Amino acid sequence: MKKLFIALFLLCFTIPSICFAETWELAIQPWDKANLASGHKRAKAGDIVAVKPYPWNWGTIELQNYLIIIVDNLTEEEALQIAEPLYLGDNSGTLEVPGVVTGKRKFKIDIRKLKTNILPTLDESKLVDQNKMENYQPFKDAGIRISVDMLEADLMQNKYDLKWRKGKKNE
């Protein structure tokens, strides 16, 4: 038992993000992108497009195309899971064909709830396309942070009834 404790301690000490929660930035797709004629599915409003450690230096194009939110108390494993695509068979519990993507993202953020639950001054009219957004980043600019518990309980939608944190199924 002592050896196990020492091994866990060393693992957490050398790679702290495995054991300890951190702050992450999430890039959220603010509007639906039309699917391509080839059948390629594109991001829809609320999809979590990228997850980066805080503070992240986003590029100009990213700031014009995505709404950036800051989330506290996510482990690295949790952060990476919420940006994963849906693979064929994911929602049945077994991967039927590894690597075949059937959905851009498993989870999404309800942008309307960001306004009602977090930031009532959120201007949704600026979140409809790239030309209107013009680097509109109300969460990042104001330093507004969202707790992982609020993200899970109130904001995140599970598109396929999959498990995310601590074995829970998100609604």
Protein backbone atom coordinates (compact mmCIF):
# COMPACT_ATOMS: atom_id res chain seq x y z
CA MET A 1 0.00 0.00 0.00
CA LYS A 2 2.84 2.36 0.83
CA LYS A 3 4.42 1.76 -2.60
CA LEU A 4 1.12 2.54 -4.30
CA PHE A 5 0.80 5.80 -2.36
CA ILE A 6 4.37 6.78 -3.27
CA ALA A 7 3.77 5.94 -6.95
CA LEU A 8 0.58 8.04 -7.03
CA PHE A 9 2.32 10.91 -5.28
CA LEU A 10 5.21 10.84 -7.76
CA LEU A 11 2.82 10.66 -10.71
CA CYS A 12 0.84 13.65 -9.43
CA PHE A 13 4.04 15.54 -8.66
CA THR A 14 5.55 14.99 -12.12
CA ILE A 15 2.29 15.45 -14.08
CA PRO A 16 0.05 17.57 -11.84
CA SER A 17 -2.67 18.09 -14.44
CA ILE A 18 -3.58 14.42 -14.16
CA CYS A 19 -4.47 14.74 -10.47
CA PHE A 20 -5.25 18.38 -9.91
CA ALA A 21 -7.88 20.64 -11.40
CA GLU A 22 -6.77 23.60 -13.44
CA THR A 23 -8.22 26.52 -15.37
CA TRP A 24 -8.94 26.03 -19.08
CA GLU A 25 -10.20 28.15 -21.95
CA LEU A 26 -12.88 26.74 -24.23
CA ALA A 27 -13.50 28.00 -27.76
CA ILE A 28 -17.24 27.74 -28.45
CA GLN A 29 -18.75 27.83 -31.95
CA PRO A 30 -21.29 30.71 -31.67
CA TRP A 31 -23.34 30.00 -34.82
CA ASP A 32 -24.22 27.01 -37.00
CA LYS A 33 -21.90 26.38 -39.92
CA ALA A 34 -23.58 24.80 -42.94
CA ASN A 35 -22.52 21.24 -43.74
CA LEU A 36 -20.54 20.86 -46.96
CA ALA A 37 -22.04 19.38 -50.14
CA SER A 38 -19.54 16.51 -49.77
CA GLY A 39 -21.39 15.46 -46.60
CA HIS A 40 -18.67 16.76 -44.25
CA LYS A 41 -20.37 17.86 -41.04
CA ARG A 42 -19.39 21.26 -39.72
CA ALA A 43 -19.57 22.78 -36.26
CA LYS A 44 -22.93 23.83 -34.84
CA ALA A 45 -23.73 26.60 -32.33
CA GLY A 46 -22.46 25.64 -28.89
CA ASP A 47 -19.95 23.02 -30.05
CA ILE A 48 -16.74 23.06 -28.03
CA VAL A 49 -14.20 23.48 -30.82
CA ALA A 50 -10.97 23.73 -28.81
CA VAL A 51 -9.78 23.44 -25.21
CA LYS A 52 -6.55 25.17 -24.18
CA PRO A 53 -4.80 25.79 -20.86
CA TYR A 54 -5.37 29.19 -19.24
CA PRO A 55 -4.08 31.72 -20.15
CA TRP A 56 -4.04 30.96 -23.88
CA ASN A 57 -2.97 33.41 -26.58
CA TRP A 58 -5.72 32.98 -29.17
CA GLY A 59 -5.11 34.11 -32.74
CA THR A 60 -7.05 36.87 -34.45
CA ILE A 61 -9.06 34.44 -36.58
CA GLU A 62 -9.99 32.36 -33.52
CA LEU A 63 -11.16 35.46 -31.65
CA GLN A 64 -13.32 36.44 -34.63
CA ASN A 65 -14.86 32.99 -34.99
CA TYR A 66 -15.29 31.56 -31.50
CA LEU A 67 -16.64 32.68 -28.15
CA ILE A 68 -13.96 32.03 -25.53
CA ILE A 69 -15.05 31.05 -22.02
CA ILE A 70 -12.85 30.34 -19.00
CA VAL A 71 -13.61 27.31 -16.83
CA ASP A 72 -12.06 26.64 -13.42
CA ASN A 73 -11.42 23.30 -11.72
CA LEU A 74 -11.20 20.99 -14.75
CA THR A 75 -8.59 18.25 -14.81
CA GLU A 76 -6.70 17.83 -18.05
CA GLU A 77 -8.51 14.56 -18.72
CA GLU A 78 -11.93 16.21 -18.28
CA ALA A 79 -10.95 19.18 -20.44
CA LEU A 80 -9.83 17.00 -23.31
CA GLN A 81 -12.89 14.74 -23.10
CA ILE A 82 -15.36 17.57 -23.66
CA ALA A 83 -13.79 18.48 -27.00
CA GLU A 84 -13.70 14.93 -28.40
CA PRO A 85 -15.70 14.06 -31.49
CA LEU A 86 -18.29 11.29 -31.49
CA TYR A 87 -16.93 8.11 -33.04
CA LEU A 88 -19.06 5.44 -34.65
CA GLY A 89 -20.33 3.24 -31.81
CA ASP A 90 -19.52 5.71 -29.00
CA ASN A 91 -23.14 6.07 -27.96
CA SER A 92 -23.65 2.29 -27.87
CA GLY A 93 -20.72 1.80 -25.49
CA THR A 94 -18.43 0.06 -28.00
CA LEU A 95 -16.46 1.52 -30.84
CA GLU A 96 -17.73 -0.26 -33.93
CA VAL A 97 -15.23 1.37 -36.26
CA PRO A 98 -12.35 3.15 -34.45
CA GLY A 99 -11.51 6.51 -36.00
CA VAL A 100 -14.78 6.95 -37.92
CA VAL A 101 -16.27 10.25 -36.76
CA THR A 102 -20.07 10.49 -36.86
CA GLY A 103 -20.48 13.76 -34.94
CA LYS A 104 -18.23 16.81 -34.57
CA ARG A 105 -18.58 16.94 -30.78
CA LYS A 106 -20.16 14.85 -28.04
CA PHE A 107 -20.98 17.87 -25.89
CA LYS A 108 -21.99 21.46 -26.44
CA ILE A 109 -22.56 24.64 -24.43
CA ASP A 110 -26.02 26.18 -24.39
CA ILE A 111 -25.20 29.76 -25.38
CA ARG A 112 -28.63 31.03 -24.28
CA LYS A 113 -27.92 29.73 -20.77
CA LEU A 114 -24.58 31.54 -20.75
CA LYS A 115 -26.64 34.71 -21.01
CA THR A 116 -29.37 33.82 -18.51
CA ASN A 117 -27.13 32.11 -15.92
CA ILE A 118 -23.77 33.90 -16.19
CA LEU A 119 -23.71 37.12 -18.20
CA PRO A 120 -27.07 38.89 -18.75
CA THR A 121 -25.34 41.56 -20.88
CA LEU A 122 -24.17 38.97 -23.45
CA ASP A 123 -25.06 40.43 -26.86
CA GLU A 124 -26.32 37.42 -28.82
CA SER A 125 -26.75 39.57 -31.95
CA LYS A 126 -22.94 39.72 -32.20
CA LEU A 127 -22.68 35.93 -32.12
CA VAL A 128 -24.38 35.23 -35.43
CA ASP A 129 -21.45 35.47 -37.84
CA GLN A 130 -17.80 36.45 -38.15
CA ASN A 131 -18.54 39.94 -39.49
CA LYS A 132 -20.64 40.91 -36.46
CA MET A 133 -18.45 39.30 -33.83
CA GLU A 134 -15.43 41.62 -34.34
CA ASN A 135 -13.39 40.17 -31.47
CA TYR A 136 -16.40 40.30 -29.14
CA GLN A 137 -15.09 38.35 -26.14
CA PRO A 138 -17.17 39.41 -23.12
CA PHE A 139 -16.08 36.52 -20.86
CA LYS A 140 -12.36 36.71 -21.60
CA ASP A 141 -12.21 40.51 -21.59
CA ALA A 142 -14.00 40.76 -18.23
CA GLY A 143 -12.10 37.82 -16.71
CA ILE A 144 -15.36 35.97 -16.00
CA ARG A 145 -14.69 32.40 -14.91
CA ILE A 146 -17.20 29.58 -14.82
CA SER A 147 -16.89 26.77 -12.31
CA VAL A 148 -16.81 23.23 -13.65
CA ASP A 149 -19.85 22.43 -11.50
CA MET A 150 -21.89 25.20 -13.14
CA LEU A 151 -20.64 24.09 -16.55
CA GLU A 152 -21.79 20.55 -15.87
CA ALA A 153 -25.07 21.34 -14.11
CA ASP A 154 -26.37 24.32 -16.07
CA LEU A 155 -24.53 24.92 -19.32
CA MET A 156 -23.26 21.76 -20.94
CA GLN A 157 -25.58 19.66 -23.04
CA ASN A 158 -24.83 16.02 -23.70
CA LYS A 159 -25.79 15.46 -27.32
CA TYR A 160 -25.66 11.66 -27.15
CA ASP A 161 -26.33 10.74 -23.48
CA LEU A 162 -22.67 9.90 -22.82
CA LYS A 163 -20.72 9.91 -19.57
CA TRP A 164 -18.37 12.79 -18.93
CA ARG A 165 -17.27 13.48 -15.34
CA LYS A 166 -17.20 11.06 -12.43
CA GLY A 167 -19.36 8.57 -14.31
CA LYS A 168 -22.30 10.99 -14.51
CA LYS A 169 -24.50 11.40 -17.54
CA ASN A 170 -25.11 15.02 -18.41
CA GLU A 171 -28.55 16.21 -19.43
